[in-house]
Amino acid sequence: MPPTQNGLHSDEVAWFLMTNAALYCERVLPMINAWGRSFPHVYAVFANATGKPEGDYRHEVTRAMARERHGRMGRDCAVVDGRAGSWLVRRCGDARVRPVLVAGYCRNPTHRGAGGPCCRANAAMQFFLDRAETTFRRVKWWVFSDDDVYARSVALLGVLAAYDAAKPLNVAASPTAIAGYARPCAGPARQFVANKPWQVVSGLSRAALLAMEDGIYKRGASAQCDALGFDGHDEGIGFFYWMHAIPTVLLAPWAHRGRVLFDAGDIFREEHNLSEAAVRGALDGNDTEPVRAALSRFLFFHNALHPPDMFRLLRRVGDDELDVAPAAAEASPVIRAPGFECTAYAARRRNATTWAPFTAADCAAPLVAPCACARGRRLDEELRRAKIRAQRAAWRKAEADLRARASGGRRPPVAP
């Protein structure tokens, strides 16, 4: 049975995994066969890269394999839906095989660069809007991510169920480094786009997609990334959301029942009791309990283990949900990023008849007056610091729980 959590059903979430032919079998298929099997709407999103190497890989053997796979998809996978020049849905087998989405206007199949990740995200948004009343009639949440992100289905549903999909909202993975979206945006506008969330997992409510409909149909997310030189969707589409004043909540660093909701980096480290030797030992059939206990601390993570090995590991240590309790996740505070309305671009766009991207020149332009955004900036900084404090507290609690189990149940005090 597809899972349900706090009133939100798995068929009310549509997940789009950015990939290419070089990585589909190694990354997407293990993910679909693990957490993805709980969701009826899971799509791998490809660029329309016929005739060019599929993937940013150094070795000709890899490029040749990718070209052969991509060509086979075009020959052997039937088109089951589409909008001319925008997107195609192909199915490579019978109805039990998950369909793939081909972004018709995206020519860069790699995970970086112009016309690449942001373009595929834009195409996935447009596909959703085009089929909002048919394929996605019941869907409340759109999610776009890298193809090596692991999620526990009941945990994801529990997080999303805490929010109202009838209101515009972005659910992002975690905070960024200090630069945030600001790296390519120097000038007065920079203060408003620093410290904004990392969108390696990027969820949008149905209302948020409808609020950005005009920009999406003008391929604005793709054009915006290209205009400011964002390499990937993990930073670039967040800038596009900021331009539409979409509020944000985070999967991390907020914790649920002592677990860190999202680990943004390599979880397979000694300090997490997930050393390479322990993981390999579990894969080889040795003691799996230490690895199981360590993995159970995370509800979501950006995969750092080869996905087929990840799939094997989860099967070896037990069910891939790892006994996640069906309980409500505590809602994270909503962050309302200020500042866009203070820019000269925003004033110009109100009277514009055509859409144009926010450029480096717009970042450098003086803010319009009056501009009452200083309070919003202070609030943003306060929230950022609060999230860091919460993350540290969650890690201390998780480490204390692990030490308590190791010492036979005597829980040491948690440092303040």
Protein backbone atom coordinates (compact mmCIF):
# COMPACT_ATOMS: atom_id res chain seq x y z
CA MET A 1 0.00 0.00 0.00
CA PRO A 2 1.33 3.50 -0.81
CA PRO A 3 2.13 5.31 2.42
CA THR A 4 0.01 8.02 4.00
CA GLN A 5 1.31 10.38 6.64
CA ASN A 6 -0.82 12.85 8.61
CA GLY A 7 -3.40 12.99 5.85
CA LEU A 8 -0.94 13.39 2.96
CA HIS A 9 -0.86 10.48 0.48
CA SER A 10 2.12 9.51 -1.65
CA ASP A 11 0.10 10.12 -4.84
CA GLU A 12 -0.13 13.78 -3.79
CA VAL A 13 3.62 14.24 -4.34
CA ALA A 14 5.36 14.26 -7.74
CA TRP A 15 9.16 13.78 -7.66
CA PHE A 16 11.47 14.65 -10.56
CA LEU A 17 15.05 13.30 -10.56
CA MET A 18 17.52 15.20 -12.74
CA THR A 19 19.71 12.68 -14.57
CA ASN A 20 21.28 11.69 -17.87
CA ALA A 21 21.93 8.50 -19.78
CA ALA A 22 25.33 7.95 -18.20
CA LEU A 23 23.82 7.83 -14.70
CA TYR A 24 20.24 6.58 -15.13
CA CYS A 25 20.93 2.89 -14.51
CA GLU A 26 23.50 3.51 -11.75
CA ARG A 27 21.57 6.18 -9.83
CA VAL A 28 17.91 6.54 -10.77
CA LEU A 29 16.90 2.88 -10.92
CA PRO A 30 18.23 2.06 -7.42
CA MET A 31 16.47 5.14 -6.02
CA ILE A 32 13.18 4.27 -7.74
CA ASN A 33 13.41 0.70 -6.47
CA ALA A 34 14.04 1.88 -2.92
CA TRP A 35 12.13 4.95 -1.69
CA GLY A 36 10.70 5.72 -5.14
CA ARG A 37 8.51 2.65 -5.19
CA SER A 38 6.27 4.36 -2.63
CA PHE A 39 5.41 7.22 -5.00
CA PRO A 40 3.26 6.77 -8.13
CA HIS A 41 4.65 9.97 -9.67
CA VAL A 42 8.44 9.65 -10.04
CA TYR A 43 10.11 10.84 -13.25
CA ALA A 44 13.73 10.83 -14.38
CA VAL A 45 14.32 14.11 -16.24
CA PHE A 46 16.63 14.03 -19.28
CA ALA A 47 17.87 16.76 -21.58
CA ASN A 48 16.97 16.53 -25.25
CA ALA A 49 20.58 15.80 -26.11
CA THR A 50 20.32 13.68 -29.26
CA GLY A 51 23.54 13.88 -31.25
CA LYS A 52 25.86 15.10 -28.49
CA PRO A 53 27.67 13.31 -25.64
CA GLU A 54 25.33 12.66 -22.75
CA GLY A 55 27.13 13.61 -19.56
CA ASP A 56 30.14 15.63 -18.50
CA TYR A 57 32.58 12.72 -18.32
CA ARG A 58 36.25 12.64 -19.16
CA HIS A 59 36.44 9.16 -20.64
CA GLU A 60 35.33 8.40 -24.17
CA VAL A 61 34.11 4.95 -23.08
CA THR A 62 31.61 6.59 -20.69
CA ARG A 63 30.54 9.09 -23.33
CA ALA A 64 30.08 6.33 -25.90
CA MET A 65 27.97 4.30 -23.45
CA ALA A 66 25.84 7.36 -22.73
CA ARG A 67 25.32 8.09 -26.42
CA GLU A 68 24.28 4.49 -27.03
CA ARG A 69 21.81 4.52 -24.11
CA HIS A 70 20.34 7.86 -25.12
CA GLY A 71 19.91 6.67 -28.69
CA ARG A 72 18.23 3.49 -27.48
CA MET A 73 15.77 5.56 -25.45
CA GLY A 74 14.81 7.45 -28.61
CA ARG A 75 14.39 4.26 -30.62
CA ASP A 76 12.81 1.89 -28.12
CA CYS A 77 10.83 4.04 -25.68
CA ALA A 78 7.33 5.02 -26.79
CA VAL A 79 6.14 8.62 -26.50
CA VAL A 80 3.03 8.53 -24.28
CA ASP A 81 2.49 12.27 -23.78
CA GLY A 82 4.06 15.52 -24.86
CA ARG A 83 3.89 19.19 -25.74
CA ALA A 84 5.66 20.10 -28.95
CA GLY A 85 8.99 21.84 -28.33
CA SER A 86 8.64 21.70 -24.54
CA TRP A 87 8.61 18.16 -23.15
CA LEU A 88 7.98 14.50 -23.95
CA VAL A 89 7.05 11.63 -21.66
CA ARG A 90 8.50 8.30 -22.78
CA ARG A 91 7.89 4.84 -21.38
CA CYS A 92 10.55 2.18 -21.87
CA GLY A 93 8.48 -0.97 -21.37
CA ASP A 94 5.01 -1.82 -20.10
CA ALA A 95 2.86 0.14 -17.66
CA ARG A 96 4.87 -1.15 -14.68
CA VAL A 97 7.99 0.74 -15.85
CA ARG A 98 8.31 4.33 -14.62
CA PRO A 99 8.15 6.90 -17.43
CA VAL A 100 10.92 9.40 -18.15
CA LEU A 101 10.55 13.09 -18.95
CA VAL A 102 12.60 14.54 -21.81
CA ALA A 103 13.01 18.33 -21.59
CA GLY A 104 12.57 19.35 -25.21
CA TYR A 105 14.36 22.71 -25.12
CA CYS A 106 17.27 21.66 -22.87
CA ARG A 107 20.41 20.82 -24.83
CA ASN A 108 22.94 20.44 -22.02
CA PRO A 109 22.68 16.94 -20.49
CA THR A 110 25.29 17.49 -17.80
CA HIS A 111 24.81 18.27 -14.12
CA ARG A 112 26.38 21.72 -14.52
CA GLY A 113 26.26 24.74 -16.79
CA ALA A 114 23.99 26.82 -19.00
CA GLY A 115 20.93 25.09 -20.40
CA GLY A 116 21.45 22.19 -17.98
CA PRO A 117 19.99 21.56 -14.50
CA CYS A 118 17.88 24.74 -14.23
CA CYS A 119 16.52 24.13 -17.71
CA ARG A 120 15.39 20.63 -16.77
CA ALA A 121 13.80 21.99 -13.58
CA ASN A 122 11.91 24.55 -15.66
CA ALA A 123 10.67 21.84 -18.03
CA ALA A 124 9.50 19.72 -15.07
CA MET A 125 7.58 22.72 -13.70
CA GLN A 126 5.98 23.33 -17.09
CA PHE A 127 5.04 19.65 -17.44
CA PHE A 128 3.34 19.83 -14.05
CA LEU A 129 1.39 22.96 -14.99
CA ASP A 130 0.42 21.57 -18.40
CA ARG A 131 -1.04 18.45 -16.76
CA ALA A 132 -2.20 19.99 -13.48
CA GLU A 133 -5.82 19.02 -14.12
CA THR A 134 -5.15 15.56 -15.55
CA THR A 135 -2.03 13.57 -14.59
CA PHE A 136 -1.36 15.70 -11.50
CA ARG A 137 -4.94 16.49 -10.54
CA ARG A 138 -4.44 15.14 -6.99
CA VAL A 139 -0.84 16.28 -6.58
CA LYS A 140 -0.15 18.99 -4.00
CA TRP A 141 3.67 19.02 -4.01
CA TRP A 142 6.27 19.15 -6.79
CA VAL A 143 9.81 18.02 -5.83
CA PHE A 144 12.97 18.30 -7.97
CA SER A 145 16.33 16.90 -6.91
CA ASP A 146 19.63 15.37 -7.91
CA ASP A 147 19.43 11.71 -8.85
CA ASP A 148 21.44 10.58 -5.80
CA VAL A 149 19.24 11.95 -3.02
CA TYR A 150 17.79 9.38 -0.64
CA ALA A 151 14.51 10.03 1.17
CA ARG A 152 12.41 8.02 3.57
CA SER A 153 8.90 8.22 2.19
CA VAL A 154 6.98 8.55 5.47
CA ALA A 155 9.45 11.18 6.66
CA LEU A 156 9.00 13.26 3.52
CA LEU A 157 5.22 13.00 3.72
CA GLY A 158 5.35 13.96 7.40
CA VAL A 159 7.36 17.10 6.63
CA LEU A 160 5.13 18.18 3.73
CA ALA A 161 1.92 17.40 5.61
CA ALA A 162 2.83 20.08 8.15
CA TYR A 163 2.26 22.80 5.53
CA ASP A 164 -0.64 24.03 3.43
CA ALA A 165 -0.07 23.33 -0.27
CA ALA A 166 -2.77 25.89 -1.07
CA LYS A 167 -0.26 28.60 -0.07
CA PRO A 168 2.95 29.38 -2.00
CA LEU A 169 5.89 27.63 -0.29
CA ASN A 170 9.33 26.28 -1.15
CA VAL A 171 10.73 23.36 0.88
CA ALA A 172 14.52 23.45 0.44
CA ALA A 173 17.20 21.02 1.55
CA SER A 174 19.36 23.07 3.90
CA PRO A 175 21.21 26.35 4.41
CA THR A 176 24.01 27.22 2.00
CA ALA A 177 27.45 28.48 2.78
CA ILE A 178 27.80 32.19 3.47
CA ALA A 179 27.64 33.12 -0.24
CA GLY A 180 24.22 31.58 -0.85
CA TYR A 181 22.77 32.87 -4.10
CA ALA A 182 24.97 35.95 -3.84
CA ARG A 183 28.09 34.60 -5.52
CA PRO A 184 27.28 35.97 -9.01
CA CYS A 185 25.25 38.95 -7.74
CA ALA A 186 27.51 41.80 -6.58
CA GLY A 187 26.17 45.19 -5.57
CA PRO A 188 23.30 46.49 -3.38
CA ALA A 189 21.04 43.49 -4.09
CA ARG A 190 23.66 41.08 -2.75
CA GLN A 191 22.61 41.60 0.87
CA PHE A 192 19.22 40.03 0.18
CA VAL A 193 20.38 36.88 -1.58
CA ALA A 194 23.21 35.79 0.73
CA ASN A 195 22.62 32.84 3.09
CA LYS A 196 19.67 31.53 1.12
CA PRO A 197 18.89 27.80 1.07
CA TRP A 198 20.51 25.04 -0.90
CA GLN A 199 18.04 23.58 -3.39
CA VAL A 200 19.63 20.18 -4.08
CA VAL A 201 16.16 19.05 -3.00
CA SER A 202 13.64 21.66 -4.04
CA GLY A 203 9.97 21.23 -3.20
CA LEU A 204 7.19 23.57 -4.28
CA SER A 205 3.57 23.67 -3.25
CA ARG A 206 0.98 23.61 -6.00
CA ALA A 207 0.17 27.23 -5.16
CA ALA A 208 3.82 28.25 -5.59
CA LEU A 209 3.93 26.79 -9.11
CA LEU A 210 0.75 28.63 -10.01
CA ALA A 211 2.18 31.87 -8.59
CA MET A 212 5.23 31.53 -10.88
CA GLU A 213 3.27 30.33 -13.91
CA ASP A 214 4.07 33.29 -16.15
CA GLY A 215 7.82 33.05 -15.54
CA ILE A 216 7.80 29.26 -15.93
CA TYR A 217 6.09 29.39 -19.32
CA LYS A 218 8.64 31.99 -20.42
CA ARG A 219 11.36 29.50 -19.34
CA GLY A 220 12.40 31.98 -16.69
CA ALA A 221 14.10 29.56 -14.28
CA SER A 222 16.41 28.41 -17.05
CA ALA A 223 17.04 31.92 -18.38
CA GLN A 224 17.70 33.27 -14.88
CA CYS A 225 20.37 30.67 -14.12
CA ASP A 226 22.06 31.34 -17.45
CA ALA A 227 21.94 35.13 -17.01
CA LEU A 228 23.82 35.06 -13.69
CA GLY A 229 26.00 32.06 -14.46
CA PHE A 230 24.65 29.64 -11.87
CA ASP A 231 26.13 26.20 -12.49
CA GLY A 232 23.26 24.19 -11.08
CA HIS A 233 19.68 24.17 -9.85
CA ASP A 234 20.85 23.83 -6.24
CA GLU A 235 21.54 27.59 -6.19
CA GLY A 236 19.98 28.96 -9.35
CA ILE A 237 16.31 28.07 -9.04
CA GLY A 238 16.29 29.49 -5.52
CA PHE A 239 17.09 32.89 -7.03
CA PHE A 240 14.08 32.45 -9.34
CA TYR A 241 11.88 31.73 -6.29
CA TRP A 242 13.24 34.83 -4.53
CA MET A 243 12.16 36.91 -7.52
CA HIS A 244 8.60 35.67 -6.92
CA ALA A 245 8.70 36.15 -3.11
CA ILE A 246 8.09 32.45 -2.44
CA PRO A 247 8.56 31.75 1.30
CA THR A 248 10.90 28.90 2.28
CA VAL A 249 11.14 26.22 4.95
CA LEU A 250 14.03 23.81 5.39
CA LEU A 251 14.43 20.06 5.69
CA ALA A 252 17.61 20.78 7.64
CA PRO A 253 18.98 21.59 10.11
CA TRP A 254 15.72 21.10 12.00
CA ALA A 255 15.62 17.72 13.70
CA HIS A 256 12.81 15.26 14.29
CA ARG A 257 12.94 12.90 17.29
CA GLY A 258 16.70 13.34 17.60
CA ARG A 259 17.35 12.73 13.91
CA VAL A 260 18.87 15.31 11.60
CA LEU A 261 16.36 15.66 8.80
CA PHE A 262 18.82 16.16 5.97
CA ASP A 263 22.55 15.54 5.73
CA ALA A 264 23.90 17.72 2.97
CA GLY A 265 27.23 16.01 2.49
CA ASP A 266 29.07 12.76 2.87
CA ILE A 267 27.41 10.79 5.67
CA PHE A 268 29.84 7.90 5.33
CA ARG A 269 32.37 9.22 7.83
CA GLU A 270 34.00 7.80 10.93
CA GLU A 271 32.31 10.32 13.22
CA HIS A 272 28.92 9.01 12.08
CA ASN A 273 29.99 5.39 12.76
CA LEU A 274 29.75 4.81 9.01
CA SER A 275 33.35 4.10 8.08
CA GLU A 276 34.14 2.53 4.73
CA ALA A 277 35.18 -0.67 6.51
CA ALA A 278 31.88 -0.89 8.41
CA VAL A 279 29.83 -0.29 5.27
CA ARG A 280 31.80 -2.85 3.28
CA GLY A 281 31.50 -5.32 6.12
CA ALA A 282 27.71 -4.91 6.16
CA LEU A 283 27.58 -5.34 2.38
CA ASP A 284 29.61 -8.53 2.71
CA GLY A 285 27.18 -9.96 5.24
CA ASN A 286 29.01 -9.20 8.47
CA ASP A 287 27.48 -7.43 11.50
CA THR A 288 24.92 -4.95 10.16
CA GLU A 289 23.63 -3.46 13.42
CA PRO A 290 26.21 -0.61 13.76
CA VAL A 291 25.53 0.54 10.22
CA ARG A 292 21.79 0.21 10.69
CA ALA A 293 21.86 2.26 13.89
CA ALA A 294 23.98 4.97 12.27
CA LEU A 295 21.86 5.19 9.11
CA SER A 296 18.66 5.42 11.13
CA ARG A 297 19.78 8.84 12.37
CA PHE A 298 19.13 10.38 8.97
CA LEU A 299 15.75 10.85 7.34
CA PHE A 300 17.15 12.34 4.11
CA PHE A 301 20.65 12.47 2.72
CA HIS A 302 22.54 13.47 -0.37
CA ASN A 303 23.98 10.14 -1.31
CA ALA A 304 27.73 9.71 -1.03
CA LEU A 305 27.79 5.96 -1.61
CA HIS A 306 27.47 4.42 -5.07
CA PRO A 307 23.64 4.12 -5.41
CA PRO A 308 23.59 0.39 -6.29
CA ASP A 309 25.67 -0.18 -3.14
CA MET A 310 23.29 2.09 -1.22
CA PHE A 311 20.35 0.00 -2.38
CA ARG A 312 22.14 -3.25 -1.45
CA LEU A 313 23.15 -1.81 1.92
CA LEU A 314 19.60 -0.79 2.82
CA ARG A 315 18.31 -4.19 1.79
CA ARG A 316 21.04 -5.86 3.84
CA VAL A 317 20.42 -3.91 7.05
CA GLY A 318 16.64 -4.17 6.77
CA ASP A 319 13.76 -2.35 5.17
CA ASP A 320 14.85 0.90 3.55
CA GLU A 321 12.48 2.89 5.78
CA LEU A 322 14.58 1.72 8.75
CA ASP A 323 11.63 1.69 11.15
CA VAL A 324 10.88 5.39 10.86
CA ALA A 325 8.02 5.99 13.26
CA PRO A 326 4.84 7.32 11.61
CA ALA A 327 4.67 10.58 13.51
CA ALA A 328 4.26 14.22 12.63
CA ALA A 329 7.40 16.19 11.92
CA GLU A 330 7.68 19.46 13.75
CA ALA A 331 7.11 22.28 11.29
CA SER A 332 10.09 24.51 10.59
CA PRO A 333 9.63 28.29 10.71
CA VAL A 334 8.73 29.92 7.41
CA ILE A 335 11.46 32.22 6.09
CA ARG A 336 10.21 35.15 4.03
CA ALA A 337 13.19 36.42 2.07
CA PRO A 338 12.92 40.18 1.63
CA GLY A 339 14.53 42.50 -0.82
CA PHE A 340 13.33 41.78 -4.33
CA GLU A 341 10.68 44.47 -4.16
CA CYS A 342 13.47 46.95 -3.30
CA THR A 343 15.31 46.45 -6.61
CA ALA A 344 15.04 48.63 -9.68
CA TYR A 345 14.35 45.44 -11.66
CA ALA A 346 11.15 44.82 -9.66
CA ALA A 347 9.93 48.36 -10.29
CA ARG A 348 10.69 47.96 -14.00
CA ARG A 349 9.02 44.57 -14.27
CA ARG A 350 5.72 45.86 -12.90
CA ASN A 351 5.30 47.88 -16.08
CA ALA A 352 6.91 45.42 -18.49
CA THR A 353 5.02 43.48 -21.15
CA THR A 354 7.79 40.90 -21.67
CA TRP A 355 9.82 38.84 -19.21
CA ALA A 356 13.59 39.37 -18.93
CA PRO A 357 16.08 37.85 -16.49
CA PHE A 358 17.60 39.62 -13.50
CA THR A 359 21.17 40.37 -14.62
CA ALA A 360 24.46 41.35 -12.99
CA ALA A 361 23.64 44.94 -13.92
CA ASP A 362 20.41 44.66 -11.91
CA CYS A 363 22.42 43.38 -8.93
CA ALA A 364 24.69 46.41 -9.18
CA ALA A 365 21.91 48.98 -9.67
CA PRO A 366 20.97 51.24 -6.72
CA LEU A 367 17.96 50.14 -4.70
CA VAL A 368 14.79 52.11 -5.23
CA ALA A 369 13.51 54.46 -2.55
CA PRO A 370 11.79 54.16 -0.23
CA CYS A 371 13.12 50.71 0.65
CA ALA A 372 12.11 49.41 4.09
CA CYS A 373 13.94 46.07 3.97
CA ALA A 374 16.51 46.49 6.75
CA ARG A 375 14.22 44.86 9.32
CA GLY A 376 13.67 41.91 6.99
CA ARG A 377 17.41 41.51 6.59
CA ARG A 378 17.93 41.44 10.36
CA LEU A 379 15.14 38.86 10.71
CA ASP A 380 16.77 36.72 8.02
CA GLU A 381 20.07 36.78 9.88
CA GLU A 382 18.36 35.92 13.18
CA LEU A 383 16.65 32.93 11.57
CA ARG A 384 19.92 31.76 10.08
CA ARG A 385 21.60 31.84 13.49
CA ALA A 386 18.63 30.08 15.09
CA LYS A 387 18.85 27.29 12.53
CA ILE A 388 22.56 26.82 13.23
CA ARG A 389 21.85 26.61 16.97
CA ALA A 390 19.10 24.04 16.37
CA GLN A 391 21.38 21.97 14.17
CA ARG A 392 24.11 21.88 16.80
CA ALA A 393 21.61 20.92 19.50
CA ALA A 394 20.24 18.11 17.33
CA TRP A 395 23.71 16.72 16.69
CA ARG A 396 24.55 16.82 20.42
CA LYS A 397 21.36 14.94 21.26
CA ALA A 398 21.95 12.34 18.53
CA GLU A 399 25.54 11.78 19.66
CA ALA A 400 24.39 11.43 23.28
CA ASP A 401 21.80 8.84 22.27
CA LEU A 402 24.45 6.84 20.44
CA ARG A 403 26.81 6.97 23.42
CA ALA A 404 23.96 5.91 25.70
CA ARG A 405 23.25 2.85 23.57
CA ALA A 406 26.95 2.00 23.49
CA SER A 407 27.19 2.29 27.29
CA GLY A 408 24.18 0.05 27.91
CA GLY A 409 21.48 2.64 28.37
CA ARG A 410 23.19 5.11 30.74
CA ARG A 411 22.68 8.39 28.92
CA PRO A 412 25.43 10.96 29.55
CA PRO A 413 24.44 14.58 29.98
CA VAL A 414 24.11 16.68 26.81
CA ALA A 415 26.50 19.62 26.74
CA PRO A 416 24.74 23.00 26.61
